[in-house]
Amino acid sequence: MVVLSPSLLSYPTLHFFRFDPGRNGRGMPGRKNSNQSKKFPKKIRVCCCFPAKPSSQNVLWRRDLLFFALSSSLSTLFPSSGCLAQEDVRTASLVDEINAYSYSYPVELPSKKFLFKWVESRKPERYSSAAPLSPDARLRIVSERVDIVDNLVIAVTIGPPNIQFLKSKDTKTWAAKDVADSVLSDKSALRVTSSQRMTESSVLDAHTSEIDGEQYWYYEYLVRKSPTRSAQESNLYRHYVASTAEREGYLYSLSASTPSQQWTKMGPFLEQTVASFHLLPPTDNYVPPYKDPWRFW
């Protein structure tokens, strides 16, 4: 919020608050890993000197200065990103009672008359019957929805932590980067080692937040893709944002992704989806991951 005072004092001071967008201008944190749960905006003070006695010319000059300051501050507060994220978006919610989590996802931009074309490719299912993401079947995908037209994917996975990165059982000591590495080390369809799987991806950012007393680890990363005729190899990345929470010795993760070429357009919506992900209190329909590991239906 910008507050401008019409006072005609000799030395008025205008205060502006500017949100620091970090490295990419989208409000995401910088590349440095951080476990801080809150970041505060930067305060800018603009001082200007006026004559002690007002006159009609001085009043007009002050008015022009105030309008200039207002327009300048607004451009700082709300930088133009040229993406759809500035528009109002209608969302829908998914509640998975089997695994006890929920999240919201975008369905429409009314002002743009734009509709997302989501298809539920994998309905929520229990961990024991879910499709594995690696040959060792540690990490499994329990639900997924895709937008084939706009090349968007939202997926929820469950798996045990990798003790190579998360050695302590005290989750409060876990760093967000280590949680990201733990999840990504098990996320590969290739028969390769954990270290080789990690070379497929590159973590850009990671931080921790506490919501309702629960730890959530957020991270952003790129995944390399195979070259095709239509794109250069250096540009073949898929851009991900993800959130992970721990319950009963398992990591529950939601990831949302799109090709890096359209991240500016679709990325902010995926960030909102990831931010909405949270674990729910278990109900009678809840099935913990360790229950009936032999059951595949």
C-alpha atoms as a PDB file:
ATOM      1  CA  MET A   1       0.000   0.000   0.000  1.00  0.00           C
ATOM      2  CA  VAL A   2       1.220   3.502  -0.784  1.00  0.00           C
ATOM      3  CA  VAL A   3       0.168   6.319   1.525  1.00  0.00           C
ATOM      4  CA  LEU A   4       0.675   9.897   0.397  1.00  0.00           C
ATOM      5  CA  SER A   5       0.093  12.751   2.793  1.00  0.00           C
ATOM      6  CA  PRO A   6      -1.249  16.113   1.506  1.00  0.00           C
ATOM      7  CA  SER A   7       0.479  17.930   4.326  1.00  0.00           C
ATOM      8  CA  LEU A   8       2.266  21.162   3.385  1.00  0.00           C
ATOM      9  CA  LEU A   9       5.046  20.861   5.927  1.00  0.00           C
ATOM     10  CA  SER A  10       8.503  22.024   5.011  1.00  0.00           C
ATOM     11  CA  TYR A  11      10.152  18.612   4.748  1.00  0.00           C
ATOM     12  CA  PRO A  12       7.624  15.925   3.905  1.00  0.00           C
ATOM     13  CA  THR A  13       8.801  12.357   3.705  1.00  0.00           C
ATOM     14  CA  LEU A  14       7.160   9.783   1.469  1.00  0.00           C
ATOM     15  CA  HIS A  15       7.390   6.117   2.453  1.00  0.00           C
ATOM     16  CA  PHE A  16       7.075   3.325  -0.050  1.00  0.00           C
ATOM     17  CA  PHE A  17       7.226  -0.399   0.468  1.00  0.00           C
ATOM     18  CA  ARG A  18       8.641  -2.440  -2.353  1.00  0.00           C
ATOM     19  CA  PHE A  19       8.368  -6.186  -2.624  1.00  0.00           C
ATOM     20  CA  ASP A  20      11.694  -7.752  -3.513  1.00  0.00           C
ATOM     21  CA  PRO A  21      10.974 -10.195  -6.351  1.00  0.00           C
ATOM     22  CA  GLY A  22      14.309 -11.961  -6.030  1.00  0.00           C
ATOM     23  CA  ARG A  23      16.148 -13.206  -9.060  1.00  0.00           C
ATOM     24  CA  ASN A  24      13.244 -13.784 -11.416  1.00  0.00           C
ATOM     25  CA  GLY A  25      10.677 -11.074 -10.769  1.00  0.00           C
ATOM     26  CA  ARG A  26       7.901 -13.475  -9.803  1.00  0.00           C
ATOM     27  CA  GLY A  27       8.098 -13.138  -6.073  1.00  0.00           C
ATOM     28  CA  MET A  28       9.993 -16.401  -5.689  1.00  0.00           C
ATOM     29  CA  PRO A  29      13.058 -16.367  -3.414  1.00  0.00           C
ATOM     30  CA  GLY A  30      16.574 -16.049  -4.789  1.00  0.00           C
ATOM     31  CA  ARG A  31      18.868 -18.922  -5.639  1.00  0.00           C
ATOM     32  CA  LYS A  32      20.356 -19.075  -2.172  1.00  0.00           C
ATOM     33  CA  ASN A  33      18.868 -21.806  -0.035  1.00  0.00           C
ATOM     34  CA  SER A  34      17.114 -20.546   3.056  1.00  0.00           C
ATOM     35  CA  ASN A  35      15.225 -22.071   5.959  1.00  0.00           C
ATOM     36  CA  GLN A  36      13.579 -18.801   6.893  1.00  0.00           C
ATOM     37  CA  SER A  37       9.819 -18.934   6.983  1.00  0.00           C
ATOM     38  CA  LYS A  38       9.234 -15.204   6.439  1.00  0.00           C
ATOM     39  CA  LYS A  39      10.793 -12.500   4.319  1.00  0.00           C
ATOM     40  CA  PHE A  40      10.077  -8.850   4.819  1.00  0.00           C
ATOM     41  CA  PRO A  41       9.687  -6.197   2.157  1.00  0.00           C
ATOM     42  CA  LYS A  42      12.237  -3.472   1.681  1.00  0.00           C
ATOM     43  CA  LYS A  43      11.363   0.041   2.795  1.00  0.00           C
ATOM     44  CA  ILE A  44      12.253   2.981   0.586  1.00  0.00           C
ATOM     45  CA  ARG A  45      12.257   6.532   1.906  1.00  0.00           C
ATOM     46  CA  VAL A  46      11.988   9.424  -0.517  1.00  0.00           C
ATOM     47  CA  CYS A  47      12.698  12.859   0.925  1.00  0.00           C
ATOM     48  CA  CYS A  48      12.203  16.182  -0.768  1.00  0.00           C
ATOM     49  CA  CYS A  49      12.455  19.790   0.395  1.00  0.00           C
ATOM     50  CA  PHE A  50       9.743  22.375  -0.089  1.00  0.00           C
ATOM     51  CA  PRO A  51       9.527  26.049   0.871  1.00  0.00           C
ATOM     52  CA  ALA A  52       8.029  26.587   4.317  1.00  0.00           C
ATOM     53  CA  LYS A  53       5.317  28.910   3.001  1.00  0.00           C
ATOM     54  CA  PRO A  54       2.956  27.442   0.469  1.00  0.00           C
ATOM     55  CA  SER A  55       2.002  29.261  -2.707  1.00  0.00           C
ATOM     56  CA  SER A  56      -0.169  28.334  -5.667  1.00  0.00           C
ATOM     57  CA  GLN A  57       2.901  27.543  -7.737  1.00  0.00           C
ATOM     58  CA  ASN A  58       4.407  25.467  -4.935  1.00  0.00           C
ATOM     59  CA  VAL A  59       1.150  23.584  -4.442  1.00  0.00           C
ATOM     60  CA  LEU A  60       1.017  22.693  -8.141  1.00  0.00           C
ATOM     61  CA  TRP A  61       4.639  21.669  -8.070  1.00  0.00           C
ATOM     62  CA  ARG A  62       4.026  19.492  -5.020  1.00  0.00           C
ATOM     63  CA  ARG A  63       1.026  17.902  -6.666  1.00  0.00           C
ATOM     64  CA  ASP A  64       3.101  17.027  -9.748  1.00  0.00           C
ATOM     65  CA  LEU A  65       5.810  15.569  -7.558  1.00  0.00           C
ATOM     66  CA  LEU A  66       3.309  13.455  -5.634  1.00  0.00           C
ATOM     67  CA  PHE A  67       1.780  12.097  -8.827  1.00  0.00           C
ATOM     68  CA  PHE A  68       5.245  11.327 -10.155  1.00  0.00           C
ATOM     69  CA  ALA A  69       6.177   9.557  -6.931  1.00  0.00           C
ATOM     70  CA  LEU A  70       2.914   7.625  -6.977  1.00  0.00           C
ATOM     71  CA  SER A  71       3.355   6.452 -10.558  1.00  0.00           C
ATOM     72  CA  SER A  72       6.973   5.510  -9.929  1.00  0.00           C
ATOM     73  CA  SER A  73       6.135   3.587  -6.768  1.00  0.00           C
ATOM     74  CA  LEU A  74       3.313   1.701  -8.418  1.00  0.00           C
ATOM     75  CA  SER A  75       5.630   0.552 -11.190  1.00  0.00           C
ATOM     76  CA  THR A  76       7.987  -0.658  -8.458  1.00  0.00           C
ATOM     77  CA  LEU A  77       5.290  -2.321  -6.408  1.00  0.00           C
ATOM     78  CA  PHE A  78       3.581  -3.995  -9.354  1.00  0.00           C
ATOM     79  CA  PRO A  79       6.131  -4.650 -12.082  1.00  0.00           C
ATOM     80  CA  SER A  80       4.644  -5.579 -15.416  1.00  0.00           C
ATOM     81  CA  SER A  81       5.439  -9.226 -16.099  1.00  0.00           C
ATOM     82  CA  GLY A  82       3.467  -9.585 -19.291  1.00  0.00           C
ATOM     83  CA  CYS A  83       1.923 -12.827 -18.085  1.00  0.00           C
ATOM     84  CA  LEU A  84      -1.560 -14.053 -17.271  1.00  0.00           C
ATOM     85  CA  ALA A  85      -0.884 -14.136 -13.551  1.00  0.00           C
ATOM     86  CA  GLN A  86      -2.113 -10.568 -13.102  1.00  0.00           C
ATOM     87  CA  GLU A  87      -5.625 -11.672 -14.074  1.00  0.00           C
ATOM     88  CA  ASP A  88      -8.283 -13.050 -11.745  1.00  0.00           C
ATOM     89  CA  VAL A  89      -8.293 -16.808 -11.775  1.00  0.00           C
ATOM     90  CA  ARG A  90     -11.003 -19.276 -10.851  1.00  0.00           C
ATOM     91  CA  THR A  91      -9.811 -22.391  -9.077  1.00  0.00           C
ATOM     92  CA  ALA A  92     -11.134 -25.800  -8.112  1.00  0.00           C
ATOM     93  CA  SER A  93     -10.049 -27.977  -5.209  1.00  0.00           C
ATOM     94  CA  LEU A  94      -9.029 -31.605  -4.992  1.00  0.00           C
ATOM     95  CA  VAL A  95      -9.499 -33.390  -1.669  1.00  0.00           C
ATOM     96  CA  ASP A  96      -7.956 -36.855  -1.428  1.00  0.00           C
ATOM     97  CA  GLU A  97      -9.381 -38.604   1.647  1.00  0.00           C
ATOM     98  CA  ILE A  98      -7.433 -41.790   0.944  1.00  0.00           C
ATOM     99  CA  ASN A  99      -4.088 -40.030   1.458  1.00  0.00           C
ATOM    100  CA  ALA A 100      -5.454 -37.047   3.453  1.00  0.00           C
ATOM    101  CA  TYR A 101      -4.288 -33.990   1.527  1.00  0.00           C
ATOM    102  CA  SER A 102      -5.785 -31.247  -0.631  1.00  0.00           C
ATOM    103  CA  TYR A 103      -4.775 -28.548  -3.092  1.00  0.00           C
ATOM    104  CA  SER A 104      -6.384 -26.076  -5.486  1.00  0.00           C
ATOM    105  CA  TYR A 105      -5.657 -25.657  -9.187  1.00  0.00           C
ATOM    106  CA  PRO A 106      -6.609 -23.060 -11.832  1.00  0.00           C
ATOM    107  CA  VAL A 107      -9.553 -23.767 -14.126  1.00  0.00           C
ATOM    108  CA  GLU A 108     -10.419 -20.461 -15.783  1.00  0.00           C
ATOM    109  CA  LEU A 109      -9.308 -16.879 -16.440  1.00  0.00           C
ATOM    110  CA  PRO A 110     -12.663 -15.098 -16.956  1.00  0.00           C
ATOM    111  CA  SER A 111     -11.236 -11.806 -18.191  1.00  0.00           C
ATOM    112  CA  LYS A 112      -9.161 -13.620 -20.820  1.00  0.00           C
ATOM    113  CA  LYS A 113     -11.873 -16.175 -21.617  1.00  0.00           C
ATOM    114  CA  PHE A 114      -9.183 -18.771 -21.106  1.00  0.00           C
ATOM    115  CA  LEU A 115      -9.985 -22.289 -19.910  1.00  0.00           C
ATOM    116  CA  PHE A 116      -7.474 -24.824 -18.623  1.00  0.00           C
ATOM    117  CA  LYS A 117      -8.024 -28.281 -20.137  1.00  0.00           C
ATOM    118  CA  TRP A 118      -7.337 -30.532 -17.174  1.00  0.00           C
ATOM    119  CA  VAL A 119      -7.730 -34.292 -17.413  1.00  0.00           C
ATOM    120  CA  GLU A 120      -7.430 -36.511 -14.335  1.00  0.00           C
ATOM    121  CA  SER A 121      -4.892 -38.994 -15.660  1.00  0.00           C
ATOM    122  CA  ARG A 122      -4.521 -40.775 -12.311  1.00  0.00           C
ATOM    123  CA  LYS A 123      -7.306 -40.779  -9.751  1.00  0.00           C
ATOM    124  CA  PRO A 124      -6.263 -40.757  -6.087  1.00  0.00           C
ATOM    125  CA  GLU A 125      -5.270 -44.210  -4.889  1.00  0.00           C
ATOM    126  CA  ARG A 126      -3.521 -45.836  -1.959  1.00  0.00           C
ATOM    127  CA  TYR A 127       0.270 -45.980  -1.824  1.00  0.00           C
ATOM    128  CA  SER A 128       0.512 -49.771  -2.112  1.00  0.00           C
ATOM    129  CA  SER A 129      -1.306 -49.835  -5.472  1.00  0.00           C
ATOM    130  CA  ALA A 130       0.136 -46.592  -6.906  1.00  0.00           C
ATOM    131  CA  ALA A 131       2.479 -46.554  -9.894  1.00  0.00           C
ATOM    132  CA  PRO A 132       6.186 -46.392  -8.969  1.00  0.00           C
ATOM    133  CA  LEU A 133       8.436 -43.647 -10.328  1.00  0.00           C
ATOM    134  CA  SER A 134      11.629 -45.673 -10.074  1.00  0.00           C
ATOM    135  CA  PRO A 135      12.655 -49.329 -10.336  1.00  0.00           C
ATOM    136  CA  ASP A 136      12.968 -49.657  -6.547  1.00  0.00           C
ATOM    137  CA  ALA A 137       9.323 -48.486  -6.195  1.00  0.00           C
ATOM    138  CA  ARG A 138      10.115 -46.248  -3.226  1.00  0.00           C
ATOM    139  CA  LEU A 139       8.495 -43.124  -4.654  1.00  0.00           C
ATOM    140  CA  ARG A 140       4.991 -43.613  -6.055  1.00  0.00           C
ATOM    141  CA  ILE A 141       2.542 -41.300  -7.780  1.00  0.00           C
ATOM    142  CA  VAL A 142      -0.821 -41.369  -5.992  1.00  0.00           C
ATOM    143  CA  SER A 143      -2.661 -38.827  -8.180  1.00  0.00           C
ATOM    144  CA  GLU A 144      -2.068 -36.749 -11.300  1.00  0.00           C
ATOM    145  CA  ARG A 145      -3.840 -34.332 -13.592  1.00  0.00           C
ATOM    146  CA  VAL A 146      -2.543 -33.023 -16.907  1.00  0.00           C
ATOM    147  CA  ASP A 147      -3.381 -30.303 -19.390  1.00  0.00           C
ATOM    148  CA  ILE A 148      -2.172 -31.779 -22.673  1.00  0.00           C
ATOM    149  CA  VAL A 149      -2.948 -28.672 -24.708  1.00  0.00           C
ATOM    150  CA  ASP A 150      -0.972 -26.270 -22.495  1.00  0.00           C
ATOM    151  CA  ASN A 151       1.562 -28.924 -21.399  1.00  0.00           C
ATOM    152  CA  LEU A 152       0.937 -28.707 -17.657  1.00  0.00           C
ATOM    153  CA  VAL A 153       1.262 -31.479 -15.081  1.00  0.00           C
ATOM    154  CA  ILE A 154       0.263 -31.564 -11.408  1.00  0.00           C
ATOM    155  CA  ALA A 155       1.226 -34.714  -9.520  1.00  0.00           C
ATOM    156  CA  VAL A 156       1.262 -35.922  -5.921  1.00  0.00           C
ATOM    157  CA  THR A 157       3.806 -38.513  -4.842  1.00  0.00           C
ATOM    158  CA  ILE A 158       4.477 -40.390  -1.613  1.00  0.00           C
ATOM    159  CA  GLY A 159       7.670 -42.115  -0.571  1.00  0.00           C
ATOM    160  CA  PRO A 160      10.054 -42.666   2.343  1.00  0.00           C
ATOM    161  CA  PRO A 161      12.908 -40.216   2.895  1.00  0.00           C
ATOM    162  CA  ASN A 162      16.311 -41.062   1.494  1.00  0.00           C
ATOM    163  CA  ILE A 163      18.697 -41.477   4.441  1.00  0.00           C
ATOM    164  CA  GLN A 164      21.585 -40.477   2.189  1.00  0.00           C
ATOM    165  CA  PHE A 165      20.310 -36.887   2.444  1.00  0.00           C
ATOM    166  CA  LEU A 166      18.004 -36.931   5.492  1.00  0.00           C
ATOM    167  CA  LYS A 167      20.027 -38.744   8.140  1.00  0.00           C
ATOM    168  CA  SER A 168      18.237 -37.319  11.185  1.00  0.00           C
ATOM    169  CA  LYS A 169      14.759 -38.400  12.257  1.00  0.00           C
ATOM    170  CA  ASP A 170      14.084 -34.915  13.607  1.00  0.00           C
ATOM    171  CA  THR A 171      12.251 -33.226  10.725  1.00  0.00           C
ATOM    172  CA  LYS A 172      12.874 -29.762  12.198  1.00  0.00           C
ATOM    173  CA  THR A 173      16.557 -30.161  11.392  1.00  0.00           C
ATOM    174  CA  TRP A 174      15.925 -30.981   7.736  1.00  0.00           C
ATOM    175  CA  ALA A 175      17.099 -28.385   5.235  1.00  0.00           C
ATOM    176  CA  ALA A 176      14.835 -27.704   2.268  1.00  0.00           C
ATOM    177  CA  LYS A 177      17.628 -28.462  -0.203  1.00  0.00           C
ATOM    178  CA  ASP A 178      18.195 -31.879   1.412  1.00  0.00           C
ATOM    179  CA  VAL A 179      14.476 -32.664   1.232  1.00  0.00           C
ATOM    180  CA  ALA A 180      14.464 -31.699  -2.444  1.00  0.00           C
ATOM    181  CA  ASP A 181      17.488 -33.925  -3.118  1.00  0.00           C
ATOM    182  CA  SER A 182      15.835 -36.792  -1.255  1.00  0.00           C
ATOM    183  CA  VAL A 183      12.688 -36.616  -3.385  1.00  0.00           C
ATOM    184  CA  LEU A 184      14.518 -36.074  -6.675  1.00  0.00           C
ATOM    185  CA  SER A 185      16.963 -38.909  -6.049  1.00  0.00           C
ATOM    186  CA  ASP A 186      14.044 -41.369  -6.214  1.00  0.00           C
ATOM    187  CA  LYS A 187      12.286 -39.672  -9.114  1.00  0.00           C
ATOM    188  CA  SER A 188      13.520 -41.412 -12.233  1.00  0.00           C
ATOM    189  CA  ALA A 189      12.299 -44.143 -14.545  1.00  0.00           C
ATOM    190  CA  LEU A 190      15.863 -45.106 -15.476  1.00  0.00           C
ATOM    191  CA  ARG A 191      17.861 -47.883 -13.847  1.00  0.00           C
ATOM    192  CA  VAL A 192      20.550 -45.595 -12.521  1.00  0.00           C
ATOM    193  CA  THR A 193      21.992 -44.688  -9.143  1.00  0.00           C
ATOM    194  CA  SER A 194      20.630 -41.891  -6.961  1.00  0.00           C
ATOM    195  CA  SER A 195      23.538 -39.614  -7.870  1.00  0.00           C
ATOM    196  CA  GLN A 196      22.938 -40.199 -11.576  1.00  0.00           C
ATOM    197  CA  ARG A 197      19.247 -39.386 -11.167  1.00  0.00           C
ATOM    198  CA  MET A 198      20.154 -36.101  -9.510  1.00  0.00           C
ATOM    199  CA  THR A 199      22.234 -35.052 -12.518  1.00  0.00           C
ATOM    200  CA  GLU A 200      19.000 -35.023 -14.519  1.00  0.00           C
ATOM    201  CA  SER A 201      17.705 -32.158 -12.360  1.00  0.00           C
ATOM    202  CA  SER A 202      19.009 -28.869 -11.000  1.00  0.00           C
ATOM    203  CA  VAL A 203      17.555 -27.269  -7.857  1.00  0.00           C
ATOM    204  CA  LEU A 204      17.219 -23.522  -8.300  1.00  0.00           C
ATOM    205  CA  ASP A 205      15.786 -22.581  -4.930  1.00  0.00           C
ATOM    206  CA  ALA A 206      14.625 -24.124  -1.660  1.00  0.00           C
ATOM    207  CA  HIS A 207      13.136 -22.793   1.558  1.00  0.00           C
ATOM    208  CA  THR A 208      11.085 -23.900   4.562  1.00  0.00           C
ATOM    209  CA  SER A 209       7.791 -22.620   5.980  1.00  0.00           C
ATOM    210  CA  GLU A 210       5.698 -23.624   8.951  1.00  0.00           C
ATOM    211  CA  ILE A 211       1.932 -23.824   8.439  1.00  0.00           C
ATOM    212  CA  ASP A 212      -0.410 -24.753  11.294  1.00  0.00           C
ATOM    213  CA  GLY A 213       2.522 -26.205  13.182  1.00  0.00           C
ATOM    214  CA  GLU A 214       3.622 -28.402  10.267  1.00  0.00           C
ATOM    215  CA  GLN A 215       6.867 -28.085   8.333  1.00  0.00           C
ATOM    216  CA  TYR A 216       6.585 -27.603   4.573  1.00  0.00           C
ATOM    217  CA  TRP A 217       9.608 -27.595   2.298  1.00  0.00           C
ATOM    218  CA  TYR A 218       9.316 -25.669  -0.980  1.00  0.00           C
ATOM    219  CA  TYR A 219      11.712 -25.954  -3.881  1.00  0.00           C
ATOM    220  CA  GLU A 220      12.053 -25.054  -7.536  1.00  0.00           C
ATOM    221  CA  TYR A 221      14.051 -27.057 -10.051  1.00  0.00           C
ATOM    222  CA  LEU A 222      14.676 -27.829 -13.708  1.00  0.00           C
ATOM    223  CA  VAL A 223      14.717 -31.261 -15.329  1.00  0.00           C
ATOM    224  CA  ARG A 224      16.629 -31.898 -18.526  1.00  0.00           C
ATOM    225  CA  LYS A 225      14.791 -33.490 -21.430  1.00  0.00           C
ATOM    226  CA  SER A 226      15.951 -35.396 -24.489  1.00  0.00           C
ATOM    227  CA  PRO A 227      16.571 -33.301 -27.635  1.00  0.00           C
ATOM    228  CA  THR A 228      13.971 -33.166 -30.379  1.00  0.00           C
ATOM    229  CA  ARG A 229      13.902 -31.732 -33.874  1.00  0.00           C
ATOM    230  CA  SER A 230      11.771 -28.769 -32.824  1.00  0.00           C
ATOM    231  CA  ALA A 231      13.958 -27.491 -29.970  1.00  0.00           C
ATOM    232  CA  GLN A 232      17.610 -26.970 -29.227  1.00  0.00           C
ATOM    233  CA  GLU A 233      19.167 -29.199 -26.595  1.00  0.00           C
ATOM    234  CA  SER A 234      20.148 -26.260 -24.376  1.00  0.00           C
ATOM    235  CA  ASN A 235      16.509 -25.156 -24.157  1.00  0.00           C
ATOM    236  CA  LEU A 236      15.031 -28.537 -23.331  1.00  0.00           C
ATOM    237  CA  TYR A 237      14.120 -28.111 -19.689  1.00  0.00           C
ATOM    238  CA  ARG A 238      10.958 -28.671 -17.741  1.00  0.00           C
ATOM    239  CA  HIS A 239      10.390 -26.154 -14.972  1.00  0.00           C
ATOM    240  CA  TYR A 240       9.049 -27.491 -11.654  1.00  0.00           C
ATOM    241  CA  VAL A 241       7.850 -26.070  -8.370  1.00  0.00           C
ATOM    242  CA  ALA A 242       7.097 -28.424  -5.505  1.00  0.00           C
ATOM    243  CA  SER A 243       6.078 -28.683  -1.871  1.00  0.00           C
ATOM    244  CA  THR A 244       6.814 -31.552   0.517  1.00  0.00           C
ATOM    245  CA  ALA A 245       5.479 -32.426   3.963  1.00  0.00           C
ATOM    246  CA  GLU A 246       6.246 -35.376   6.252  1.00  0.00           C
ATOM    247  CA  ARG A 247       3.774 -37.667   7.984  1.00  0.00           C
ATOM    248  CA  GLU A 248       4.334 -41.015   9.696  1.00  0.00           C
ATOM    249  CA  GLY A 249       7.771 -41.453   8.177  1.00  0.00           C
ATOM    250  CA  TYR A 250       6.743 -40.700   4.569  1.00  0.00           C
ATOM    251  CA  LEU A 251       7.197 -37.636   2.359  1.00  0.00           C
ATOM    252  CA  TYR A 252       4.072 -36.285   0.686  1.00  0.00           C
ATOM    253  CA  SER A 253       5.008 -34.089  -2.282  1.00  0.00           C
ATOM    254  CA  LEU A 254       3.070 -32.061  -4.816  1.00  0.00           C
ATOM    255  CA  SER A 255       4.888 -30.953  -7.959  1.00  0.00           C
ATOM    256  CA  ALA A 256       3.633 -28.770 -10.812  1.00  0.00           C
ATOM    257  CA  SER A 257       5.512 -28.290 -14.058  1.00  0.00           C
ATOM    258  CA  THR A 258       5.532 -26.831 -17.545  1.00  0.00           C
ATOM    259  CA  PRO A 259       8.203 -26.424 -20.256  1.00  0.00           C
ATOM    260  CA  SER A 260      10.662 -23.680 -19.405  1.00  0.00           C
ATOM    261  CA  GLN A 261       9.688 -21.760 -22.566  1.00  0.00           C
ATOM    262  CA  GLN A 262       6.251 -20.973 -21.140  1.00  0.00           C
ATOM    263  CA  TRP A 263       7.176 -20.582 -17.488  1.00  0.00           C
ATOM    264  CA  THR A 264       6.605 -16.822 -17.545  1.00  0.00           C
ATOM    265  CA  LYS A 265       3.035 -17.402 -18.690  1.00  0.00           C
ATOM    266  CA  MET A 266       2.033 -20.414 -16.616  1.00  0.00           C
ATOM    267  CA  GLY A 267       4.530 -20.485 -13.765  1.00  0.00           C
ATOM    268  CA  PRO A 268       2.690 -18.122 -11.392  1.00  0.00           C
ATOM    269  CA  PHE A 269      -0.440 -20.298 -11.500  1.00  0.00           C
ATOM    270  CA  LEU A 270       1.616 -23.380 -10.690  1.00  0.00           C
ATOM    271  CA  GLU A 271       3.215 -21.555  -7.768  1.00  0.00           C
ATOM    272  CA  GLN A 272      -0.246 -20.817  -6.377  1.00  0.00           C
ATOM    273  CA  THR A 273      -1.163 -24.485  -6.692  1.00  0.00           C
ATOM    274  CA  VAL A 274       1.951 -25.576  -4.829  1.00  0.00           C
ATOM    275  CA  ALA A 275       1.325 -22.997  -2.101  1.00  0.00           C
ATOM    276  CA  SER A 276      -2.208 -24.371  -1.582  1.00  0.00           C
ATOM    277  CA  PHE A 277      -1.023 -27.940  -0.926  1.00  0.00           C
ATOM    278  CA  HIS A 278      -1.449 -29.111   2.662  1.00  0.00           C
ATOM    279  CA  LEU A 279      -2.043 -32.294   4.620  1.00  0.00           C
ATOM    280  CA  LEU A 280      -5.488 -32.901   6.129  1.00  0.00           C
ATOM    281  CA  PRO A 281      -6.472 -34.550   9.402  1.00  0.00           C
ATOM    282  CA  PRO A 282      -7.013 -38.251   8.611  1.00  0.00           C
ATOM    283  CA  THR A 283     -10.573 -39.526   8.339  1.00  0.00           C
ATOM    284  CA  ASP A 284     -11.970 -43.059   8.317  1.00  0.00           C
ATOM    285  CA  ASN A 285     -11.090 -43.249   4.611  1.00  0.00           C
ATOM    286  CA  TYR A 286      -7.402 -42.564   5.234  1.00  0.00           C
ATOM    287  CA  VAL A 287      -5.001 -45.364   4.310  1.00  0.00           C
ATOM    288  CA  PRO A 288      -1.438 -44.890   5.634  1.00  0.00           C
ATOM    289  CA  PRO A 289       1.329 -45.797   3.183  1.00  0.00           C
ATOM    290  CA  TYR A 290       2.624 -48.638   5.354  1.00  0.00           C
ATOM    291  CA  LYS A 291      -0.744 -50.430   5.546  1.00  0.00           C
ATOM    292  CA  ASP A 292      -1.124 -53.660   3.544  1.00  0.00           C
ATOM    293  CA  PRO A 293       1.986 -53.191   1.338  1.00  0.00           C
ATOM    294  CA  TRP A 294       1.063 -56.360  -0.529  1.00  0.00           C
ATOM    295  CA  ARG A 295      -2.279 -54.945  -1.690  1.00  0.00           C
ATOM    296  CA  PHE A 296      -2.263 -53.658  -5.283  1.00  0.00           C
ATOM    297  CA  TRP A 297      -5.949 -52.799  -5.819  1.00  0.00           C
END
